[in-house]
Amino acid sequence: MDTLTAAELASLMRKNAGIAVEPDAFEDRLDTPFEEYGLDSLGLLGIVATLENQYGRPMPQDAERCKTPRQFLDLVNNTLTKSGA
């Protein structure tokens, strides 16, 4: 079963929004608002689009409204788990 890890999310933030986040430090800061990283809803939309292409299925419509990496990871991974990734 595929799930999105914090390290993968950090990589997507770099690729899709140009936001450099150290994956190791990121693991300890999952409750830090995306806003503090400089990531807005458009940046999250880009990440959602990448994930939809990667997993071949739609992601939750409200994923771009998540306020923290932990909320985003929980929502995306719950979707992947339910859809039998």
C-alpha atoms as a PDB file:
ATOM      1  CA  MET A   1       0.000   0.000   0.000  1.00  0.00           C
ATOM      2  CA  ASP A   2       1.306   3.404  -0.938  1.00  0.00           C
ATOM      3  CA  THR A   3       1.164   6.282   1.478  1.00  0.00           C
ATOM      4  CA  LEU A   4       2.663   9.735   1.318  1.00  0.00           C
ATOM      5  CA  THR A   5       5.491  10.286   3.785  1.00  0.00           C
ATOM      6  CA  ALA A   6       6.620  13.553   5.311  1.00  0.00           C
ATOM      7  CA  ALA A   7       9.876  13.297   3.345  1.00  0.00           C
ATOM      8  CA  GLU A   8       7.929  12.899   0.086  1.00  0.00           C
ATOM      9  CA  LEU A   9       5.766  15.898   0.969  1.00  0.00           C
ATOM     10  CA  ALA A  10       8.915  17.938   1.652  1.00  0.00           C
ATOM     11  CA  SER A  11      10.215  16.926  -1.784  1.00  0.00           C
ATOM     12  CA  LEU A  12       6.912  17.895  -3.426  1.00  0.00           C
ATOM     13  CA  MET A  13       7.008  21.275  -1.675  1.00  0.00           C
ATOM     14  CA  ARG A  14      10.442  21.861  -3.191  1.00  0.00           C
ATOM     15  CA  LYS A  15       9.499  20.677  -6.697  1.00  0.00           C
ATOM     16  CA  ASN A  16       6.059  22.293  -6.943  1.00  0.00           C
ATOM     17  CA  ALA A  17       6.444  25.459  -4.911  1.00  0.00           C
ATOM     18  CA  GLY A  18      10.187  26.040  -4.688  1.00  0.00           C
ATOM     19  CA  ILE A  19      10.102  25.772  -0.902  1.00  0.00           C
ATOM     20  CA  ALA A  20      13.218  24.159   0.504  1.00  0.00           C
ATOM     21  CA  VAL A  21      12.431  22.036   3.526  1.00  0.00           C
ATOM     22  CA  GLU A  22      14.898  19.656   5.126  1.00  0.00           C
ATOM     23  CA  PRO A  23      13.069  16.310   5.274  1.00  0.00           C
ATOM     24  CA  ASP A  24      14.631  15.355   8.632  1.00  0.00           C
ATOM     25  CA  ALA A  25      13.669  18.636  10.310  1.00  0.00           C
ATOM     26  CA  PHE A  26      10.280  18.569   8.589  1.00  0.00           C
ATOM     27  CA  GLU A  27       9.312  15.342  10.395  1.00  0.00           C
ATOM     28  CA  ASP A  28       9.471  17.237  13.699  1.00  0.00           C
ATOM     29  CA  ARG A  29       7.482  20.212  12.414  1.00  0.00           C
ATOM     30  CA  LEU A  30       4.370  18.634  10.909  1.00  0.00           C
ATOM     31  CA  ASP A  31       2.100  20.865  12.991  1.00  0.00           C
ATOM     32  CA  THR A  32       3.757  24.065  11.750  1.00  0.00           C
ATOM     33  CA  PRO A  33       1.305  25.893   9.472  1.00  0.00           C
ATOM     34  CA  PHE A  34       2.072  25.769   5.748  1.00  0.00           C
ATOM     35  CA  GLU A  35       1.879  29.558   5.879  1.00  0.00           C
ATOM     36  CA  GLU A  36       5.088  29.635   7.953  1.00  0.00           C
ATOM     37  CA  TYR A  37       6.846  27.693   5.200  1.00  0.00           C
ATOM     38  CA  GLY A  38       5.541  30.157   2.614  1.00  0.00           C
ATOM     39  CA  LEU A  39       3.245  27.603   0.990  1.00  0.00           C
ATOM     40  CA  ASP A  40      -0.199  28.856  -0.023  1.00  0.00           C
ATOM     41  CA  SER A  41      -3.283  27.124  -1.413  1.00  0.00           C
ATOM     42  CA  LEU A  42      -1.995  27.435  -4.988  1.00  0.00           C
ATOM     43  CA  GLY A  43       1.189  25.630  -3.996  1.00  0.00           C
ATOM     44  CA  LEU A  44      -0.897  22.914  -2.388  1.00  0.00           C
ATOM     45  CA  LEU A  45      -3.020  22.651  -5.538  1.00  0.00           C
ATOM     46  CA  GLY A  46       0.153  21.922  -7.490  1.00  0.00           C
ATOM     47  CA  ILE A  47       1.088  19.221  -5.011  1.00  0.00           C
ATOM     48  CA  VAL A  48      -2.428  17.743  -5.210  1.00  0.00           C
ATOM     49  CA  ALA A  49      -2.223  17.651  -9.018  1.00  0.00           C
ATOM     50  CA  THR A  50       1.137  15.874  -8.851  1.00  0.00           C
ATOM     51  CA  LEU A  51      -0.284  13.313  -6.421  1.00  0.00           C
ATOM     52  CA  GLU A  52      -3.310  12.705  -8.617  1.00  0.00           C
ATOM     53  CA  ASN A  53      -0.995  11.971 -11.540  1.00  0.00           C
ATOM     54  CA  GLN A  54       1.268   9.808  -9.400  1.00  0.00           C
ATOM     55  CA  TYR A  55      -1.486   7.699  -7.854  1.00  0.00           C
ATOM     56  CA  GLY A  56      -3.908   7.812 -10.780  1.00  0.00           C
ATOM     57  CA  ARG A  57      -6.876   8.847  -8.680  1.00  0.00           C
ATOM     58  CA  PRO A  58      -8.461  12.057  -7.434  1.00  0.00           C
ATOM     59  CA  MET A  59      -7.356  13.525  -4.147  1.00  0.00           C
ATOM     60  CA  PRO A  60      -9.797  15.137  -1.704  1.00  0.00           C
ATOM     61  CA  GLN A  61     -11.232  18.401  -3.022  1.00  0.00           C
ATOM     62  CA  ASP A  62     -10.425  20.227   0.189  1.00  0.00           C
ATOM     63  CA  ALA A  63      -6.785  19.103   0.384  1.00  0.00           C
ATOM     64  CA  GLU A  64      -5.555  22.558  -0.622  1.00  0.00           C
ATOM     65  CA  ARG A  65      -7.321  23.997   2.446  1.00  0.00           C
ATOM     66  CA  CYS A  66      -5.244  21.980   4.921  1.00  0.00           C
ATOM     67  CA  LYS A  67      -3.425  24.265   7.325  1.00  0.00           C
ATOM     68  CA  THR A  68      -0.551  21.984   8.346  1.00  0.00           C
ATOM     69  CA  PRO A  69       1.518  19.209   6.811  1.00  0.00           C
ATOM     70  CA  ARG A  70       0.051  16.755   9.339  1.00  0.00           C
ATOM     71  CA  GLN A  71      -3.522  17.604   8.254  1.00  0.00           C
ATOM     72  CA  PHE A  72      -2.529  17.230   4.606  1.00  0.00           C
ATOM     73  CA  LEU A  73      -0.757  13.907   5.142  1.00  0.00           C
ATOM     74  CA  ASP A  74      -3.661  12.526   7.193  1.00  0.00           C
ATOM     75  CA  LEU A  75      -6.223  13.548   4.571  1.00  0.00           C
ATOM     76  CA  VAL A  76      -4.242  12.251   1.594  1.00  0.00           C
ATOM     77  CA  ASN A  77      -3.220   8.997   3.270  1.00  0.00           C
ATOM     78  CA  ASN A  78      -6.777   8.370   4.475  1.00  0.00           C
ATOM     79  CA  THR A  79      -7.929   8.779   0.864  1.00  0.00           C
ATOM     80  CA  LEU A  80      -5.237   6.430  -0.429  1.00  0.00           C
ATOM     81  CA  THR A  81      -6.064   3.831   2.206  1.00  0.00           C
ATOM     82  CA  LYS A  82      -9.799   3.942   1.528  1.00  0.00           C
ATOM     83  CA  SER A  83      -9.345   3.644  -2.219  1.00  0.00           C
ATOM     84  CA  GLY A  84      -7.143   0.569  -1.903  1.00  0.00           C
ATOM     85  CA  ALA A  85      -3.909   2.022  -3.213  1.00  0.00           C
END
